[in-house]
Amino acid sequence: MSAQPDLLYSEEEEALRAAVRDLLTDRCDPAGVIARTESDAPHDLGAWKALADGMGLAGLLIPEDDGGQGATHREAAVVLEELGRSVAPVPYLTSAVVATEALLACGDRELLGRLATGRAIGALAVPLHLAPDVAFPAVRVERGLLHGQLTGIADASCADLLLVPGDDGGLYAVEADAATVTPQVSLDLTRPLATVTLDAAPGRRLGDARPAVERALRAGAGLLASEQLGLAEWSLTETVRYLKDRKQFNRPVGGFQALKHRLAQLWLETVNLRATARNAASALASATDANTDTDIAVAVAQSYAAPAAVHAAEEALQLHAGIGMTWEHPVHLHLKRAKADSLAYGTAGAHRARLAALVDLPSP
């Protein structure tokens, strides 16, 4: 019998949240994020440097012996909640979680040290939409050189290091300047996708690809729920604030019963989302290896998180009325991120199917 998960936040986690929120308030204001989406450089590398180098957050999941902070997925989840609230255009999930987990599975201390200090940004060259338990594409390996093309790679455009699965079953480290990275049209402009083309690119084999990729995608899916929680909380908080200030018929719009009911439903969904996200983070933090309990916690979180976050963002857009439809208001950033997140690391439907298999629940 596994121990009961602790879903509450510790004092240290709340202090971490406050520090991250203060930094993002200064560096990732909505107007600045929107301006970046209109530029040729959507990633805020200044904010990333402050998070990674200034606060040491890039190495939260990396042991102290390898240059990291030696923290757990619970602390990383708190960071992702705040990044979700601000829709920060930084590669934290892809580099500090997914790529880091792949390197931890392979045990490459030199590359872990580069990612821990923020000197390098890593990206796992696996399409963003893939769930942890499905087959993933691989490139051809010939005489130590890599050939092929991979599409839908998140944050590849700002990566210094690519972790590429090969058709020989290995995971290879490729320096980004040895690959051709072509931006793709992305719904979420704050987490752009790209096509990675390798033409006789040199790569160093790190270990077996299958366990490394599965571990990385499982952690990515589990902690993505915390980012979705941040999105939902922002949507609810800002909508309540707006409806308290907006008046019709000489009374606050939020005083109308129909809107109260919609907000109450959003609050319930957000509270439930918090429980599933914290449970997934706690399960990942306490797991020493792949196990069914952790897989179940991740599947439950992603089964619930995606529709809840999308619903919260959709309600925020609608209840903000005309102003919510404008480009200058940040609600569209949260809706696009929520929509894109609903496809990342497996859809809710894929995770429900996975959950049914894990608990031996046959389909009707």
Protein backbone atom coordinates (compact mmCIF):
# COMPACT_ATOMS: atom_id res chain seq x y z
CA MET A 1 0.00 0.00 0.00
CA SER A 2 1.49 3.34 -1.06
CA ALA A 3 1.64 6.27 1.38
CA GLN A 4 -1.08 8.90 1.25
CA PRO A 5 0.00 11.84 -0.93
CA ASP A 6 0.47 15.23 0.70
CA LEU A 7 -1.57 17.65 -1.38
CA LEU A 8 -0.84 20.73 0.74
CA TYR A 9 1.92 23.24 0.07
CA SER A 10 4.80 23.54 2.51
CA GLU A 11 6.11 26.88 3.77
CA GLU A 12 9.15 26.47 1.53
CA GLU A 13 6.94 25.86 -1.51
CA GLU A 14 4.86 28.95 -0.76
CA ALA A 15 8.05 31.01 -0.39
CA LEU A 16 9.25 29.66 -3.74
CA ARG A 17 5.90 30.58 -5.29
CA ALA A 18 6.13 34.15 -3.98
CA ALA A 19 9.67 34.58 -5.33
CA VAL A 20 8.77 33.22 -8.77
CA ARG A 21 5.60 35.32 -8.95
CA ASP A 22 7.50 38.48 -8.08
CA LEU A 23 10.07 37.79 -10.78
CA LEU A 24 7.45 37.03 -13.42
CA THR A 25 5.43 40.11 -12.47
CA ASP A 26 8.50 42.22 -13.23
CA ARG A 27 9.67 40.42 -16.36
CA CYS A 28 6.61 38.77 -17.98
CA ASP A 29 3.88 41.35 -17.90
CA PRO A 30 1.02 40.66 -20.36
CA ALA A 31 1.92 43.50 -22.72
CA GLY A 32 5.50 42.27 -22.92
CA VAL A 33 4.46 38.68 -23.60
CA ILE A 34 2.05 39.77 -26.34
CA ALA A 35 4.77 41.93 -27.92
CA ARG A 36 7.12 38.92 -27.97
CA THR A 37 4.56 36.80 -29.79
CA GLU A 38 4.59 39.39 -32.56
CA SER A 39 8.37 39.35 -32.87
CA ASP A 40 10.89 36.93 -34.37
CA ALA A 41 12.09 36.00 -30.87
CA PRO A 42 9.08 34.66 -28.93
CA HIS A 43 11.18 33.23 -26.09
CA ASP A 44 12.11 35.57 -23.25
CA LEU A 45 15.70 34.49 -22.68
CA GLY A 46 16.22 37.29 -20.16
CA ALA A 47 13.46 35.88 -17.94
CA TRP A 48 14.83 32.38 -18.51
CA LYS A 49 18.30 33.46 -17.38
CA ALA A 50 16.82 35.04 -14.25
CA LEU A 51 14.90 31.84 -13.45
CA ALA A 52 17.66 29.40 -14.38
CA ASP A 53 20.81 31.20 -13.31
CA GLY A 54 19.59 33.82 -10.87
CA MET A 55 17.22 31.54 -8.93
CA GLY A 56 18.70 28.15 -9.82
CA LEU A 57 15.35 26.76 -10.94
CA ALA A 58 16.64 24.98 -14.05
CA GLY A 59 18.33 22.45 -11.80
CA LEU A 60 15.53 21.72 -9.35
CA LEU A 61 15.24 18.07 -10.44
CA ILE A 62 18.99 17.52 -10.75
CA PRO A 63 20.91 16.09 -7.75
CA GLU A 64 23.31 18.40 -5.96
CA ASP A 65 26.23 16.15 -6.88
CA ASP A 66 25.50 16.88 -10.54
CA GLY A 67 25.28 20.64 -10.04
CA GLY A 68 21.55 20.93 -9.39
CA GLN A 69 19.38 21.87 -6.43
CA GLY A 70 18.38 18.35 -5.41
CA ALA A 71 14.71 19.31 -5.04
CA THR A 72 11.67 17.29 -6.14
CA HIS A 73 8.81 17.42 -8.60
CA ARG A 74 6.71 19.18 -5.95
CA GLU A 75 8.89 22.28 -6.13
CA ALA A 76 9.03 22.11 -9.92
CA ALA A 77 5.23 21.91 -9.93
CA VAL A 78 4.98 25.16 -7.96
CA VAL A 79 7.22 26.88 -10.49
CA LEU A 80 5.07 25.59 -13.34
CA GLU A 81 1.89 26.84 -11.67
CA GLU A 82 3.32 30.36 -11.71
CA LEU A 83 4.62 30.01 -15.25
CA GLY A 84 1.13 28.94 -16.29
CA ARG A 85 -0.43 31.95 -14.59
CA SER A 86 1.79 34.34 -16.53
CA VAL A 87 1.99 32.27 -19.73
CA ALA A 88 5.72 32.92 -19.55
CA PRO A 89 7.51 32.24 -22.86
CA VAL A 90 10.37 30.29 -21.28
CA PRO A 91 11.44 26.67 -21.96
CA TYR A 92 11.07 25.48 -18.38
CA LEU A 93 8.83 22.45 -18.97
CA THR A 94 10.74 21.29 -22.03
CA SER A 95 14.27 21.83 -20.68
CA ALA A 96 14.18 21.77 -16.87
CA VAL A 97 11.68 18.88 -16.75
CA VAL A 98 11.45 16.80 -19.93
CA ALA A 99 15.01 17.03 -21.25
CA THR A 100 16.37 16.83 -17.70
CA GLU A 101 14.41 13.66 -16.96
CA ALA A 102 15.74 12.04 -20.13
CA LEU A 103 19.30 12.87 -19.11
CA LEU A 104 18.70 11.60 -15.58
CA ALA A 105 17.56 8.29 -17.07
CA CYS A 106 20.79 8.13 -19.09
CA GLY A 107 22.99 9.36 -16.23
CA ASP A 108 24.99 11.89 -18.25
CA ARG A 109 26.46 14.14 -15.57
CA GLU A 110 28.24 16.53 -17.93
CA LEU A 111 25.06 17.45 -19.81
CA LEU A 112 23.05 17.58 -16.59
CA GLY A 113 25.52 20.14 -15.28
CA ARG A 114 25.03 22.29 -18.38
CA LEU A 115 21.26 22.24 -18.00
CA ALA A 116 21.36 22.76 -14.23
CA THR A 117 23.22 26.05 -14.47
CA GLY A 118 21.15 27.32 -17.36
CA ARG A 119 24.24 27.47 -19.60
CA ALA A 120 22.34 25.29 -22.06
CA ILE A 121 18.70 24.77 -22.96
CA GLY A 122 17.73 21.21 -23.78
CA ALA A 123 14.91 19.85 -25.91
CA LEU A 124 13.80 16.26 -26.33
CA ALA A 125 13.29 15.79 -30.07
CA VAL A 126 9.98 13.98 -29.73
CA PRO A 127 6.71 15.51 -30.99
CA LEU A 128 4.92 17.45 -28.25
CA HIS A 129 1.63 15.63 -28.75
CA LEU A 130 2.93 12.15 -27.91
CA ALA A 131 1.76 10.41 -24.72
CA PRO A 132 4.29 8.57 -22.52
CA ASP A 133 3.26 5.06 -23.56
CA VAL A 134 3.12 5.35 -27.36
CA ALA A 135 5.72 4.75 -30.05
CA PHE A 136 7.86 7.73 -31.00
CA PRO A 137 9.69 8.52 -34.25
CA ALA A 138 13.42 8.04 -34.60
CA VAL A 139 16.05 9.21 -37.08
CA ARG A 140 18.42 7.01 -39.05
CA VAL A 141 21.81 6.39 -37.49
CA GLU A 142 24.61 5.64 -39.92
CA ARG A 143 28.27 5.48 -38.84
CA GLY A 144 27.61 7.70 -35.87
CA LEU A 145 25.87 10.37 -37.93
CA LEU A 146 22.15 11.15 -37.71
CA HIS A 147 19.84 11.61 -40.69
CA GLY A 148 16.15 12.47 -40.67
CA GLN A 149 13.44 14.95 -39.84
CA LEU A 150 11.30 15.34 -36.72
CA THR A 151 8.29 17.65 -36.50
CA GLY A 152 6.34 19.29 -33.69
CA ILE A 153 9.33 19.74 -31.37
CA ALA A 154 8.52 22.26 -28.65
CA ASP A 155 11.07 25.00 -27.88
CA ALA A 156 13.61 23.57 -30.34
CA SER A 157 14.12 27.07 -31.74
CA CYS A 158 15.84 28.23 -28.54
CA ALA A 159 17.56 24.96 -27.62
CA ASP A 160 21.31 24.52 -27.44
CA LEU A 161 21.12 20.75 -27.05
CA LEU A 162 18.81 18.28 -28.77
CA LEU A 163 18.17 14.78 -27.43
CA VAL A 164 17.34 12.69 -30.47
CA PRO A 165 16.09 9.08 -30.58
CA GLY A 166 17.88 6.92 -33.14
CA ASP A 167 16.60 3.92 -35.06
CA ASP A 168 19.21 1.74 -33.34
CA GLY A 169 17.37 2.22 -30.01
CA GLY A 170 19.75 4.83 -28.65
CA LEU A 171 19.22 8.40 -27.46
CA TYR A 172 21.75 10.82 -28.94
CA ALA A 173 22.94 14.25 -27.84
CA VAL A 174 23.18 16.64 -30.77
CA GLU A 175 24.34 20.22 -30.55
CA ALA A 176 21.63 22.45 -31.96
CA ASP A 177 23.98 24.19 -34.39
CA ALA A 178 24.48 20.82 -36.13
CA ALA A 179 20.77 20.68 -36.98
CA THR A 180 18.44 22.80 -39.08
CA VAL A 181 15.54 24.10 -36.99
CA THR A 182 12.59 25.48 -38.94
CA PRO A 183 9.72 27.19 -37.09
CA GLN A 184 6.22 25.78 -37.58
CA VAL A 185 2.92 27.60 -37.34
CA SER A 186 1.85 27.15 -33.72
CA LEU A 187 -1.46 27.84 -32.01
CA ASP A 188 0.37 28.72 -28.80
CA LEU A 189 2.79 31.48 -29.75
CA THR A 190 4.44 31.36 -26.30
CA ARG A 191 5.58 27.75 -26.78
CA PRO A 192 6.52 27.57 -30.46
CA LEU A 193 6.99 24.31 -32.33
CA ALA A 194 9.65 23.58 -34.91
CA THR A 195 10.84 20.98 -37.39
CA VAL A 196 14.30 19.57 -36.71
CA THR A 197 16.23 18.33 -39.74
CA LEU A 198 19.41 16.32 -39.32
CA ASP A 199 21.70 15.82 -42.31
CA ALA A 200 24.72 13.76 -41.24
CA ALA A 201 24.68 15.48 -37.85
CA PRO A 202 27.19 14.16 -35.32
CA GLY A 203 25.65 12.75 -32.17
CA ARG A 204 26.88 11.14 -28.97
CA ARG A 205 24.96 8.13 -27.72
CA LEU A 206 23.77 8.63 -24.14
CA GLY A 207 21.85 5.41 -23.49
CA ASP A 208 18.69 3.57 -24.44
CA ALA A 209 15.99 5.80 -25.88
CA ARG A 210 12.86 3.89 -24.82
CA PRO A 211 13.18 4.15 -20.99
CA ALA A 212 14.57 7.68 -21.19
CA VAL A 213 11.78 8.99 -23.43
CA GLU A 214 9.05 7.25 -21.43
CA ARG A 215 10.40 8.68 -18.17
CA ALA A 216 10.69 12.16 -19.67
CA LEU A 217 7.19 12.18 -21.17
CA ARG A 218 5.65 10.78 -18.00
CA ALA A 219 7.17 13.60 -15.94
CA GLY A 220 6.18 16.12 -18.60
CA ALA A 221 2.57 14.94 -18.60
CA GLY A 222 2.38 14.86 -14.81
CA LEU A 223 3.83 18.34 -14.29
CA LEU A 224 1.96 19.81 -17.23
CA ALA A 225 -1.12 19.49 -15.00
CA SER A 226 0.44 22.06 -12.64
CA GLU A 227 0.90 24.48 -15.52
CA GLN A 228 -2.74 23.89 -16.48
CA LEU A 229 -3.69 24.59 -12.86
CA GLY A 230 -1.94 27.95 -13.08
CA LEU A 231 -3.83 28.74 -16.27
CA ALA A 232 -7.17 27.85 -14.68
CA GLU A 233 -6.47 29.82 -11.50
CA TRP A 234 -5.53 32.94 -13.47
CA SER A 235 -8.65 32.60 -15.61
CA LEU A 236 -10.90 32.27 -12.56
CA THR A 237 -9.23 35.03 -10.54
CA GLU A 238 -9.20 37.58 -13.37
CA THR A 239 -12.79 36.77 -14.37
CA VAL A 240 -14.05 37.24 -10.81
CA ARG A 241 -12.15 40.53 -10.56
CA TYR A 242 -13.60 41.79 -13.83
CA LEU A 243 -17.17 40.81 -12.98
CA LYS A 244 -16.92 42.64 -9.65
CA ASP A 245 -15.89 45.86 -11.43
CA ARG A 246 -18.07 45.67 -14.55
CA LYS A 247 -21.54 47.13 -14.02
CA GLN A 248 -24.83 46.76 -15.83
CA PHE A 249 -28.18 48.15 -14.72
CA ASN A 250 -26.27 49.98 -11.99
CA ARG A 251 -25.03 46.80 -10.30
CA PRO A 252 -21.92 44.58 -10.64
CA VAL A 253 -22.32 41.98 -13.37
CA GLY A 254 -20.98 39.35 -10.98
CA GLY A 255 -24.05 39.80 -8.84
CA PHE A 256 -26.31 38.10 -11.37
CA GLN A 257 -27.17 34.59 -10.26
CA ALA A 258 -26.53 32.93 -13.60
CA LEU A 259 -22.96 34.19 -13.62
CA LYS A 260 -22.48 33.23 -9.98
CA HIS A 261 -23.37 29.66 -10.86
CA ARG A 262 -20.88 29.60 -13.73
CA LEU A 263 -18.13 30.96 -11.50
CA ALA A 264 -18.97 28.46 -8.77
CA GLN A 265 -18.63 25.64 -11.29
CA LEU A 266 -15.26 27.00 -12.40
CA TRP A 267 -14.11 27.17 -8.78
CA LEU A 268 -15.09 23.54 -8.20
CA GLU A 269 -13.26 22.42 -11.34
CA THR A 270 -10.17 24.40 -10.36
CA VAL A 271 -10.11 22.92 -6.85
CA ASN A 272 -10.40 19.43 -8.29
CA LEU A 273 -7.68 20.22 -10.79
CA ARG A 274 -5.41 21.33 -7.96
CA ALA A 275 -5.96 18.00 -6.19
CA THR A 276 -5.11 15.93 -9.26
CA ALA A 277 -2.09 18.07 -10.16
CA ARG A 278 -0.68 17.95 -6.63
CA ASN A 279 -1.27 14.22 -6.47
CA ALA A 280 0.67 13.72 -9.71
CA ALA A 281 3.55 15.91 -8.51
CA SER A 282 3.65 14.09 -5.17
CA ALA A 283 3.63 10.69 -6.90
CA LEU A 284 6.48 11.71 -9.22
CA ALA A 285 8.45 13.09 -6.29
CA SER A 286 8.17 9.90 -4.25
CA ALA A 287 8.72 7.44 -7.11
CA THR A 288 12.21 5.97 -7.32
CA ASP A 289 11.41 4.15 -10.56
CA ALA A 290 8.53 3.58 -12.94
CA ASN A 291 5.55 2.12 -11.09
CA THR A 292 1.84 1.69 -11.61
CA ASP A 293 0.79 4.11 -8.84
CA THR A 294 2.71 6.94 -10.46
CA ASP A 295 1.37 6.08 -13.90
CA ILE A 296 -2.17 6.14 -12.49
CA ALA A 297 -1.63 9.52 -10.80
CA VAL A 298 -0.30 11.02 -14.05
CA ALA A 299 -3.15 9.53 -16.11
CA VAL A 300 -5.78 10.83 -13.66
CA ALA A 301 -4.23 14.31 -13.67
CA GLN A 302 -4.15 14.59 -17.45
CA SER A 303 -7.60 13.05 -17.84
CA TYR A 304 -9.00 15.93 -15.78
CA ALA A 305 -6.58 18.84 -16.28
CA ALA A 306 -6.93 19.47 -20.00
CA PRO A 307 -10.73 19.93 -20.18
CA ALA A 308 -10.77 21.88 -16.89
CA ALA A 309 -8.11 24.35 -18.02
CA VAL A 310 -9.70 24.82 -21.44
CA HIS A 311 -13.13 25.38 -19.88
CA ALA A 312 -11.74 27.98 -17.46
CA ALA A 313 -10.03 29.88 -20.26
CA GLU A 314 -13.11 29.70 -22.49
CA GLU A 315 -15.32 31.04 -19.70
CA ALA A 316 -12.81 33.81 -19.01
CA LEU A 317 -12.90 34.85 -22.65
CA GLN A 318 -16.69 34.85 -22.82
CA LEU A 319 -17.33 36.51 -19.46
CA HIS A 320 -14.85 39.29 -20.23
CA ALA A 321 -17.21 40.11 -23.13
CA GLY A 322 -15.91 42.50 -25.78
CA ILE A 323 -12.65 43.38 -24.08
CA GLY A 324 -11.75 39.70 -23.93
CA MET A 325 -11.90 39.52 -27.71
CA THR A 326 -9.20 42.14 -28.16
CA TRP A 327 -5.58 41.29 -28.97
CA GLU A 328 -4.37 43.60 -26.21
CA HIS A 329 -6.08 41.61 -23.44
CA PRO A 330 -4.03 38.57 -22.31
CA VAL A 331 -6.98 36.16 -22.07
CA HIS A 332 -6.32 34.88 -25.59
CA LEU A 333 -2.80 33.86 -24.54
CA HIS A 334 -4.21 31.70 -21.76
CA LEU A 335 -6.85 30.16 -24.03
CA LYS A 336 -4.29 29.29 -26.70
CA ARG A 337 -1.92 27.82 -24.12
CA ALA A 338 -4.76 25.80 -22.57
CA LYS A 339 -5.82 24.51 -25.98
CA ALA A 340 -2.25 23.60 -26.93
CA ASP A 341 -1.66 21.97 -23.53
CA SER A 342 -4.76 19.82 -24.05
CA LEU A 343 -2.88 18.10 -26.89
CA ALA A 344 0.57 18.03 -25.26
CA TYR A 345 1.93 14.72 -23.96
CA GLY A 346 -1.29 12.93 -24.91
CA THR A 347 -4.91 14.04 -25.04
CA ALA A 348 -7.33 13.57 -22.16
CA GLY A 349 -8.93 10.73 -24.10
CA ALA A 350 -5.60 8.96 -24.52
CA HIS A 351 -4.91 9.25 -20.80
CA ARG A 352 -8.38 7.94 -19.93
CA ALA A 353 -7.73 4.91 -22.12
CA ARG A 354 -4.36 4.46 -20.41
CA LEU A 355 -6.00 4.79 -17.00
CA ALA A 356 -8.60 2.15 -17.87
CA ALA A 357 -5.83 -0.25 -18.87
CA LEU A 358 -3.84 0.46 -15.70
CA VAL A 359 -6.77 -0.31 -13.39
CA ASP A 360 -7.98 -3.21 -15.54
CA LEU A 361 -11.24 -1.51 -16.46
CA PRO A 362 -12.48 -2.91 -19.80
CA SER A 363 -13.99 -0.57 -22.33
CA PRO A 364 -17.75 -0.92 -22.98
